[in-house]
N, C-alpha and C. Protein backbone atom coordinates (compact mmCIF):
# COMPACT_ATOMS: atom_id res chain seq x y z
N UNK A 1 79.48 132.62 85.18
CA UNK A 1 78.11 131.68 85.11
C UNK A 1 78.97 129.97 85.53
N UNK A 2 78.36 129.13 86.19
CA UNK A 2 78.64 128.27 86.33
C UNK A 2 78.48 127.03 85.00
N UNK A 3 79.61 126.25 85.11
CA UNK A 3 80.11 125.64 83.68
C UNK A 3 80.83 124.68 84.57
N UNK A 4 81.53 123.53 82.90
CA UNK A 4 82.42 122.89 83.56
C UNK A 4 83.60 123.34 82.57
N UNK A 5 83.72 124.55 81.96
CA UNK A 5 85.09 124.76 81.69
C UNK A 5 86.27 124.99 82.35
N UNK A 6 86.86 124.38 81.59
CA UNK A 6 88.28 123.97 82.05
C UNK A 6 88.89 125.26 82.23
N UNK A 7 88.98 125.89 81.36
CA UNK A 7 89.92 127.50 81.29
C UNK A 7 88.90 128.14 82.08
N UNK A 8 87.75 128.17 82.58
CA UNK A 8 87.51 129.10 83.23
C UNK A 8 86.93 128.91 84.50
N UNK A 9 87.27 127.43 85.11
CA UNK A 9 87.64 127.16 86.39
C UNK A 9 87.62 128.45 87.63
N UNK A 10 87.27 128.76 88.65
CA UNK A 10 87.23 129.27 89.77
C UNK A 10 87.02 130.34 89.25
N UNK A 11 86.66 130.83 88.25
CA UNK A 11 86.29 132.39 88.02
C UNK A 11 84.62 132.66 87.71
N UNK A 12 83.75 131.61 88.22
CA UNK A 12 82.67 131.80 88.04
C UNK A 12 81.84 132.86 89.15
N UNK A 13 81.06 133.79 88.36
CA UNK A 13 80.50 134.67 89.55
C UNK A 13 81.39 135.95 88.98
N UNK A 14 82.66 135.91 88.44
CA UNK A 14 83.65 137.40 88.34
C UNK A 14 82.74 138.11 86.78
N UNK A 15 83.04 139.55 87.39
CA UNK A 15 82.79 140.58 86.38
C UNK A 15 83.64 141.20 86.31
N UNK A 16 84.11 141.01 84.99
CA UNK A 16 85.23 141.35 84.46
C UNK A 16 85.16 142.37 83.09
N UNK A 17 86.11 143.30 83.28
CA UNK A 17 85.83 143.84 81.39
C UNK A 17 86.90 142.88 80.80
N UNK A 18 86.52 143.12 79.18
CA UNK A 18 87.55 141.99 78.19
C UNK A 18 87.34 142.97 77.11
N UNK A 19 88.47 142.93 76.44
CA UNK A 19 88.31 143.85 75.17
C UNK A 19 87.07 142.61 73.95
N UNK A 20 86.86 143.40 73.45
CA UNK A 20 86.08 142.84 72.26
C UNK A 20 86.08 143.33 70.82
N UNK A 21 86.49 143.00 70.20
CA UNK A 21 86.99 143.22 68.59
C UNK A 21 85.89 142.61 67.13
N UNK A 22 84.66 142.83 67.97
CA UNK A 22 84.06 142.37 66.46
C UNK A 22 82.66 142.50 66.63
N UNK A 23 81.82 142.73 65.73
CA UNK A 23 80.27 143.08 66.15
C UNK A 23 79.41 142.33 65.30
N UNK A 24 80.11 141.31 64.66
CA UNK A 24 78.98 140.65 64.09
C UNK A 24 79.06 138.80 64.13
N UNK A 25 79.68 138.59 65.44
CA UNK A 25 79.63 137.05 66.06
C UNK A 25 78.76 136.65 67.27
N UNK A 26 77.54 137.22 66.23
CA UNK A 26 76.60 136.58 66.97
C UNK A 26 76.17 135.17 67.08
N UNK A 27 75.70 134.63 68.71
CA UNK A 27 75.58 133.44 68.33
C UNK A 27 73.81 133.21 67.81
N UNK A 28 74.07 132.16 66.27
CA UNK A 28 72.45 131.81 66.29
C UNK A 28 72.74 130.04 66.41
N UNK A 29 71.64 129.54 67.14
CA UNK A 29 71.78 128.12 67.08
C UNK A 29 70.10 127.51 66.98
N UNK A 30 69.49 127.27 65.44
CA UNK A 30 68.42 127.00 65.05
C UNK A 30 67.99 125.88 65.76
N UNK A 31 68.83 124.55 65.75
CA UNK A 31 68.35 123.53 66.24
C UNK A 31 68.68 123.69 67.60
N UNK A 32 68.79 123.88 68.30
CA UNK A 32 68.95 124.23 69.92
C UNK A 32 68.74 125.15 70.71
N UNK A 33 67.64 125.20 71.70
CA UNK A 33 67.25 126.77 71.96
C UNK A 33 68.38 126.91 73.02
N UNK A 34 68.34 128.35 73.23
CA UNK A 34 69.81 128.53 74.00
C UNK A 34 69.25 128.57 75.34
N UNK A 35 67.91 128.40 75.65
CA UNK A 35 67.21 128.09 77.25
C UNK A 35 68.02 126.56 78.00
N UNK A 36 68.01 125.62 76.77
CA UNK A 36 68.71 124.55 76.98
C UNK A 36 70.44 124.60 76.92
N UNK A 37 71.02 125.46 76.64
CA UNK A 37 72.37 125.56 76.75
C UNK A 37 72.60 126.55 78.21
N UNK A 38 71.78 127.18 78.00
CA UNK A 38 72.21 127.89 79.71
C UNK A 38 71.53 126.78 80.45
N UNK A 39 70.37 125.94 80.52
CA UNK A 39 70.53 125.08 81.26
C UNK A 39 71.43 124.08 81.42
N UNK A 40 72.03 123.37 80.84
CA UNK A 40 73.06 122.25 80.27
C UNK A 40 74.27 122.99 80.64
N UNK A 41 73.79 124.30 81.30
CA UNK A 41 75.89 124.90 81.76
C UNK A 41 76.64 124.72 80.94
N UNK A 42 76.25 125.16 79.23
CA UNK A 42 77.26 125.34 78.55
C UNK A 42 77.55 126.39 78.09
N UNK A 43 77.04 127.19 78.90
CA UNK A 43 76.94 128.87 78.54
C UNK A 43 77.95 129.51 79.75
N UNK A 44 79.27 129.50 79.60
CA UNK A 44 80.05 129.97 80.86
C UNK A 44 80.59 131.34 80.74
N UNK A 45 80.02 132.35 79.74
CA UNK A 45 80.25 133.51 79.67
C UNK A 45 79.58 134.23 79.29
N UNK A 46 79.03 135.29 79.54
CA UNK A 46 78.27 136.32 78.76
C UNK A 46 78.51 138.08 78.97
N UNK A 47 77.44 138.77 78.22
CA UNK A 47 78.26 140.33 78.62
C UNK A 47 76.54 140.27 79.32
N UNK A 48 77.09 141.48 80.21
CA UNK A 48 76.21 142.05 81.26
C UNK A 48 75.80 143.25 81.28
N UNK A 49 74.52 143.69 81.68
CA UNK A 49 74.76 145.06 81.85
C UNK A 49 75.46 145.60 83.06
N UNK A 50 75.46 147.12 83.46
CA UNK A 50 76.16 147.40 84.64
C UNK A 50 75.34 146.96 86.03
N UNK A 51 73.82 146.16 85.91
CA UNK A 51 73.75 145.79 87.25
C UNK A 51 74.21 144.14 87.39
N UNK A 52 74.67 143.45 86.51
CA UNK A 52 75.20 142.38 86.40
C UNK A 52 74.54 140.99 85.84
N UNK A 53 73.29 141.56 85.26
CA UNK A 53 72.42 140.79 84.13
C UNK A 53 72.70 140.42 82.72
N UNK A 54 72.26 139.16 82.33
CA UNK A 54 72.91 138.68 80.95
C UNK A 54 71.74 139.70 80.40
N UNK A 55 72.58 140.58 79.18
CA UNK A 55 72.21 141.11 78.20
C UNK A 55 72.40 141.47 76.85
N UNK A 56 70.95 141.88 76.00
CA UNK A 56 71.27 141.97 74.65
C UNK A 56 71.53 143.09 74.24
N UNK A 57 71.30 144.12 75.18
CA UNK A 57 71.48 145.62 74.78
C UNK A 57 72.57 145.95 74.12
N UNK A 58 73.22 147.08 73.31
CA UNK A 58 74.00 147.64 73.00
C UNK A 58 74.81 148.78 73.88
N UNK A 59 75.38 148.96 74.34
CA UNK A 59 76.88 148.69 73.90
C UNK A 59 77.31 147.55 74.83
N UNK A 60 76.34 147.22 76.21
CA UNK A 60 77.60 145.87 76.95
C UNK A 60 76.96 144.12 76.14
N UNK A 61 76.52 144.41 75.21
CA UNK A 61 76.53 143.17 74.20
C UNK A 61 76.71 143.76 72.96
N UNK A 62 77.49 143.71 72.36
CA UNK A 62 78.53 144.26 70.78
C UNK A 62 77.45 143.97 69.48
N UNK A 63 76.79 143.00 69.90
CA UNK A 63 76.40 141.87 68.74
C UNK A 63 74.90 141.24 69.02
N UNK A 64 74.86 142.11 70.12
CA UNK A 64 73.82 141.13 70.13
C UNK A 64 72.73 139.96 70.13
N UNK A 65 74.03 139.09 70.76
CA UNK A 65 73.75 137.71 70.86
C UNK A 65 72.31 137.14 72.06
N UNK A 66 71.72 136.13 71.69
CA UNK A 66 70.80 136.03 72.52
C UNK A 66 70.88 135.78 74.05
N UNK A 67 70.53 136.66 74.86
CA UNK A 67 70.61 136.23 76.19
C UNK A 67 72.34 136.58 76.87
N UNK A 68 72.70 137.30 75.88
CA UNK A 68 74.16 138.27 75.95
C UNK A 68 75.13 137.08 76.07
N UNK A 69 74.88 135.86 75.22
CA UNK A 69 75.74 134.66 75.40
C UNK A 69 76.73 135.16 74.80
N UNK A 70 77.99 134.76 75.26
CA UNK A 70 79.87 135.22 74.81
C UNK A 70 80.83 134.18 74.48
N UNK A 71 80.32 133.11 74.79
CA UNK A 71 80.73 131.87 74.71
C UNK A 71 79.70 130.58 75.18
N UNK A 72 80.46 129.16 74.40
CA UNK A 72 79.88 128.18 74.56
C UNK A 72 81.46 127.39 74.99
N UNK A 73 80.81 125.92 76.30
CA UNK A 73 81.81 124.97 76.15
C UNK A 73 81.17 123.50 75.95
N UNK A 74 82.03 123.13 76.09
CA UNK A 74 81.47 121.35 75.33
C UNK A 74 81.29 121.21 76.94
N UNK A 75 80.23 120.09 76.71
CA UNK A 75 79.34 119.13 78.33
C UNK A 75 80.88 118.50 79.11
N UNK A 76 82.01 118.43 78.46
CA UNK A 76 82.78 117.82 79.57
C UNK A 76 83.94 119.04 79.86
N UNK A 77 83.64 120.13 79.59
CA UNK A 77 84.52 121.48 79.60
C UNK A 77 85.73 121.48 79.37
N UNK A 78 86.27 120.72 78.21
CA UNK A 78 87.23 120.83 77.60
C UNK A 78 87.79 121.90 76.21
N UNK A 79 86.18 122.03 75.69
CA UNK A 79 86.33 123.09 74.71
C UNK A 79 85.43 124.35 75.02
N UNK A 80 86.10 125.22 75.42
CA UNK A 80 85.82 126.39 75.00
C UNK A 80 85.73 127.20 73.62
N UNK A 81 84.75 127.62 73.46
CA UNK A 81 84.52 129.11 71.97
C UNK A 81 83.95 130.14 72.49
N UNK A 82 84.57 131.20 72.57
CA UNK A 82 84.62 132.52 73.26
C UNK A 82 84.38 133.90 72.01
N UNK A 83 83.83 134.96 71.97
CA UNK A 83 83.87 135.69 71.28
C UNK A 83 84.90 137.05 71.78
N UNK A 84 84.65 137.27 72.93
CA UNK A 84 85.53 138.46 73.25
C UNK A 84 87.12 137.71 73.81
N UNK A 85 87.94 138.64 73.99
CA UNK A 85 89.58 138.59 73.50
C UNK A 85 90.26 138.42 74.92
N UNK A 86 90.51 137.71 75.75
CA UNK A 86 90.75 137.66 77.33
C UNK A 86 92.21 137.65 77.26
N UNK A 87 93.07 137.11 75.70
CA UNK A 87 94.25 137.62 75.56
C UNK A 87 94.89 138.79 75.37
N UNK A 88 93.82 139.49 74.57
CA UNK A 88 94.21 140.81 74.94
C UNK A 88 94.13 141.86 76.20
N UNK A 89 93.93 140.83 77.11
CA UNK A 89 93.63 141.53 78.69
C UNK A 89 94.48 141.11 79.83
N UNK A 90 95.03 140.37 79.40
CA UNK A 90 95.56 139.41 81.30
C UNK A 90 96.73 140.43 81.40
N UNK A 91 97.43 141.24 80.83
CA UNK A 91 98.55 141.99 81.56
C UNK A 91 97.59 143.39 81.53
N UNK A 92 98.18 143.62 83.18
CA UNK A 92 97.36 145.07 83.19
C UNK A 92 97.40 146.21 82.64
N UNK A 93 98.98 146.45 81.85
CA UNK A 93 99.23 147.20 81.22
C UNK A 93 98.53 147.57 79.90
N UNK A 94 97.43 146.43 79.89
CA UNK A 94 96.71 146.17 78.75
C UNK A 94 95.37 146.96 78.72
N UNK A 95 94.87 147.37 79.86
CA UNK A 95 94.16 147.74 80.56
C UNK A 95 93.47 149.43 80.91
N UNK A 96 92.84 150.01 79.83
CA UNK A 96 92.97 151.81 79.93
C UNK A 96 92.02 152.07 80.89
N UNK A 97 91.57 150.63 82.18
CA UNK A 97 91.08 151.34 83.41
C UNK A 97 91.05 150.20 83.95
N UNK A 98 91.08 149.99 85.40
CA UNK A 98 90.57 149.20 86.15
C UNK A 98 90.73 149.47 87.80
N UNK A 99 89.69 148.60 88.32
CA UNK A 99 89.60 149.01 89.59
C UNK A 99 91.01 149.92 90.70
N UNK A 100 90.35 150.00 91.59
CA UNK A 100 91.76 150.69 92.35
C UNK A 100 92.61 149.42 93.25
N UNK A 101 91.65 148.44 93.33
CA UNK A 101 92.20 147.49 93.94
C UNK A 101 92.79 146.51 93.35
N UNK A 102 92.70 147.17 92.16
CA UNK A 102 93.85 145.90 91.04
C UNK A 102 95.37 146.68 90.89
N UNK A 103 95.12 147.87 91.15
CA UNK A 103 96.40 148.43 91.12
C UNK A 103 97.65 147.93 91.53
N UNK A 104 97.89 146.90 92.41
CA UNK A 104 98.76 146.10 92.86
C UNK A 104 99.30 144.84 92.69
N UNK A 105 98.11 144.39 91.85
CA UNK A 105 97.92 143.18 90.98
C UNK A 105 99.27 142.72 90.43
N UNK A 106 99.55 141.63 89.95
CA UNK A 106 101.19 141.55 88.97
C UNK A 106 99.99 141.21 87.43
N UNK A 107 99.05 140.61 87.90
CA UNK A 107 98.63 140.47 86.12
C UNK A 107 96.66 140.93 86.43
N UNK A 108 95.87 141.00 85.29
CA UNK A 108 94.59 140.83 85.49
C UNK A 108 94.21 139.79 85.84
N UNK A 109 92.53 139.56 86.32
CA UNK A 109 92.26 138.34 86.67
C UNK A 109 91.90 137.13 85.40
N UNK A 110 92.30 137.93 84.22
CA UNK A 110 91.73 137.15 83.03
C UNK A 110 93.21 136.06 82.71
N UNK A 111 94.52 136.39 84.32
CA UNK A 111 95.31 135.49 83.54
C UNK A 111 95.45 133.99 83.93
N UNK A 112 94.33 134.03 85.19
CA UNK A 112 93.57 132.47 85.87
C UNK A 112 93.18 131.65 84.22
N UNK A 113 93.07 132.21 83.37
CA UNK A 113 92.11 131.55 82.47
C UNK A 113 93.43 130.61 82.00
N UNK A 114 94.88 131.24 81.28
CA UNK A 114 95.45 131.17 80.82
C UNK A 114 96.34 129.80 81.96
N UNK A 115 96.37 130.46 83.48
CA UNK A 115 96.88 129.13 84.24
C UNK A 115 95.98 128.13 84.55
N UNK A 116 95.00 128.07 84.42
CA UNK A 116 94.08 126.82 84.13
C UNK A 116 93.87 126.09 83.15
N UNK A 117 94.36 126.64 81.85
CA UNK A 117 95.15 125.85 80.63
C UNK A 117 96.31 125.13 80.52
N UNK A 118 97.59 125.10 81.29
CA UNK A 118 98.37 125.38 81.50
C UNK A 118 98.22 123.72 82.72
N UNK A 119 97.92 124.17 83.55
CA UNK A 119 97.36 123.15 84.68
C UNK A 119 96.62 121.88 84.40
N UNK A 120 95.54 122.31 83.64
CA UNK A 120 95.16 121.20 83.02
C UNK A 120 96.24 119.99 81.79
N UNK A 121 96.82 120.88 81.16
CA UNK A 121 97.64 120.09 80.33
C UNK A 121 98.84 119.15 81.04
N UNK A 122 99.24 119.68 82.18
CA UNK A 122 100.19 119.04 82.97
C UNK A 122 99.85 117.70 83.81
N UNK A 123 98.41 118.40 84.03
CA UNK A 123 97.87 117.09 84.88
C UNK A 123 96.94 115.81 84.12
N UNK A 124 96.78 116.33 82.73
CA UNK A 124 96.61 115.38 81.62
C UNK A 124 97.60 114.96 80.60
N UNK A 125 98.60 114.38 81.05
CA UNK A 125 100.07 114.41 79.91
C UNK A 125 99.72 113.09 79.27
N UNK A 126 99.70 112.86 78.29
CA UNK A 126 98.97 111.90 77.26
C UNK A 126 100.37 110.56 77.75
């Protein structure tokens, strides 16, 4: 999804599998409608169905989080909170299945998130 997230920079529109190790991490924002979060581009990652639509349907969304929201970022993009676990799937051997086109990659597309973090830190040294 389009957002200002530093970590997910360049990954907009990606449809990637990811490990999920929770069932209770549902997003609840009683003071801020989820439509506002989405409209303000603070939702950089979401659970999707096989057709690529944000979903609340199990098993595609393991916790029923509204609109399939799987993470939030701050308006400036420096902070990201997400429920899935990209640290568990950035190496190819961590994937139980992958598309044939990935067989020759050295790492999964999730590695980009960690590379983005490193790049940001190097560019913003105090």
